[in-house]
């Protein structure tokens, strides 16, 4: 379990990650399905704390999905779903983040 730190994203190691597509729906491009992926995180954070950077909540989760795509040598995750649960354990707040989707690889088509 780790504390939420959006600065951790500055440690970019693979520039290909910027080319990976994440979509909450389908896409209008030819592709083959490679697999289904799932990632989970647990962070010590209070979602309802006014100082909590809510816009950064799923940044590390999305990065983990993208890294899975690169492991497959694929291009995207479609039909992504993102969920969270906030729990209170011993007076501390924890966020459990879940994300899953379908890994796809684009295929080239030739016209003519």
Protein backbone atom coordinates (compact mmCIF):
# COMPACT_ATOMS: atom_id res chain seq x y z
CA UNK A 1 0.00 0.00 0.00
CA UNK A 2 1.34 3.43 -0.86
CA UNK A 3 0.38 7.00 -0.28
CA UNK A 4 -0.99 8.86 -3.28
CA UNK A 5 1.74 10.75 -5.12
CA UNK A 6 1.00 12.10 -8.60
CA UNK A 7 4.66 13.14 -8.96
CA UNK A 8 5.50 9.45 -9.33
CA UNK A 9 4.29 9.74 -12.91
CA UNK A 10 7.24 11.93 -13.84
CA UNK A 11 9.43 8.82 -13.83
CA UNK A 12 8.70 8.01 -17.47
CA UNK A 13 10.80 5.11 -18.67
CA UNK A 14 9.26 4.08 -22.00
CA UNK A 15 8.28 6.82 -24.47
CA UNK A 16 6.00 4.35 -26.34
CA UNK A 17 3.53 4.65 -23.47
CA UNK A 18 2.37 7.98 -24.91
CA UNK A 19 1.17 6.20 -28.07
CA UNK A 20 -1.03 3.70 -26.21
CA UNK A 21 -4.75 4.41 -26.56
CA UNK A 22 -7.21 3.94 -23.68
CA UNK A 23 -10.89 4.14 -24.55
CA UNK A 24 -14.01 3.63 -22.45
CA UNK A 25 -15.82 2.49 -25.60
CA UNK A 26 -15.07 0.79 -28.87
CA UNK A 27 -12.97 2.42 -31.61
CA UNK A 28 -13.53 2.81 -35.34
CA UNK A 29 -10.41 1.01 -36.51
CA UNK A 30 -9.63 -2.58 -37.52
CA UNK A 31 -8.07 -4.61 -34.72
CA UNK A 32 -7.56 -8.05 -33.24
CA UNK A 33 -8.29 -8.86 -29.61
CA UNK A 34 -5.22 -9.93 -27.65
CA UNK A 35 -6.49 -10.37 -24.10
CA UNK A 36 -8.36 -8.90 -21.16
CA UNK A 37 -6.33 -6.96 -18.59
CA UNK A 38 -7.04 -5.96 -15.00
CA UNK A 39 -5.09 -3.72 -12.64
CA UNK A 40 -5.71 -2.79 -9.03
CA UNK A 41 -4.15 -0.31 -6.63
CA UNK A 42 -4.63 0.51 -2.99
CA UNK A 43 -3.64 3.98 -1.81
CA UNK A 44 -3.76 5.68 1.54
CA UNK A 45 -5.91 8.71 0.72
CA UNK A 46 -9.24 10.34 1.52
CA UNK A 47 -11.17 11.00 -1.68
CA UNK A 48 -13.38 13.52 0.10
CA UNK A 49 -10.49 15.61 1.48
CA UNK A 50 -10.73 18.99 -0.34
CA UNK A 51 -6.94 19.00 -0.79
CA UNK A 52 -6.91 15.63 -2.56
CA UNK A 53 -6.06 16.01 -6.29
CA UNK A 54 -9.10 14.18 -7.68
CA UNK A 55 -8.15 14.88 -11.30
CA UNK A 56 -5.03 12.76 -10.78
CA UNK A 57 -6.83 9.83 -9.14
CA UNK A 58 -6.55 7.30 -11.96
CA UNK A 59 -3.24 8.48 -13.49
CA UNK A 60 -1.14 5.65 -12.08
CA UNK A 61 -3.91 3.14 -12.77
CA UNK A 62 -4.07 4.24 -16.42
CA UNK A 63 -0.28 4.01 -16.66
CA UNK A 64 -0.42 0.42 -15.41
CA UNK A 65 -2.98 -0.45 -18.10
CA UNK A 66 -0.74 1.12 -20.73
CA UNK A 67 2.27 -0.84 -19.49
CA UNK A 68 0.28 -4.07 -19.88
CA UNK A 69 -0.44 -3.09 -23.50
CA UNK A 70 3.28 -2.65 -24.14
CA UNK A 71 3.97 -6.07 -22.61
CA UNK A 72 1.65 -7.57 -25.24
CA UNK A 73 3.19 -5.54 -28.06
CA UNK A 74 -0.30 -4.17 -28.68
CA UNK A 75 -1.74 -0.69 -29.25
CA UNK A 76 -4.73 -0.03 -27.03
CA UNK A 77 -7.18 -1.00 -24.31
CA UNK A 78 -10.82 -0.55 -25.30
CA UNK A 79 -14.01 -0.76 -23.28
CA UNK A 80 -12.07 0.31 -20.18
CA UNK A 81 -13.90 0.40 -16.88
CA UNK A 82 -12.65 2.32 -13.86
CA UNK A 83 -14.03 1.83 -10.37
CA UNK A 84 -13.07 2.75 -6.84
CA UNK A 85 -13.97 1.96 -3.26
CA UNK A 86 -13.04 4.01 -0.23
CA UNK A 87 -12.46 2.13 3.00
CA UNK A 88 -11.76 3.23 6.55
CA UNK A 89 -9.38 0.99 8.48
CA UNK A 90 -8.25 1.93 11.95
CA UNK A 91 -9.05 5.59 11.36
CA UNK A 92 -7.14 5.77 8.05
CA UNK A 93 -8.76 6.14 4.64
CA UNK A 94 -7.76 3.89 1.78
CA UNK A 95 -8.77 4.03 -1.87
CA UNK A 96 -8.97 0.83 -3.84
CA UNK A 97 -8.80 1.50 -7.57
CA UNK A 98 -9.78 -1.06 -10.20
CA UNK A 99 -9.44 -0.89 -13.98
CA UNK A 100 -9.99 -3.45 -16.70
CA UNK A 101 -10.49 -3.63 -20.44
CA UNK A 102 -9.72 -5.45 -23.68
CA UNK A 103 -6.19 -5.28 -25.11
CA UNK A 104 -6.21 -4.88 -28.89
CA UNK A 105 -3.69 -4.66 -31.68
CA UNK A 106 -4.40 -2.56 -34.74
CA UNK A 107 -4.23 -4.30 -38.11
CA UNK A 108 -3.24 -2.64 -41.35
CA UNK A 109 -5.64 -2.73 -44.26
CA UNK A 110 -4.83 -1.92 -47.85
CA UNK A 111 -7.32 -0.43 -50.23
CA UNK A 112 -7.04 -1.07 -53.93
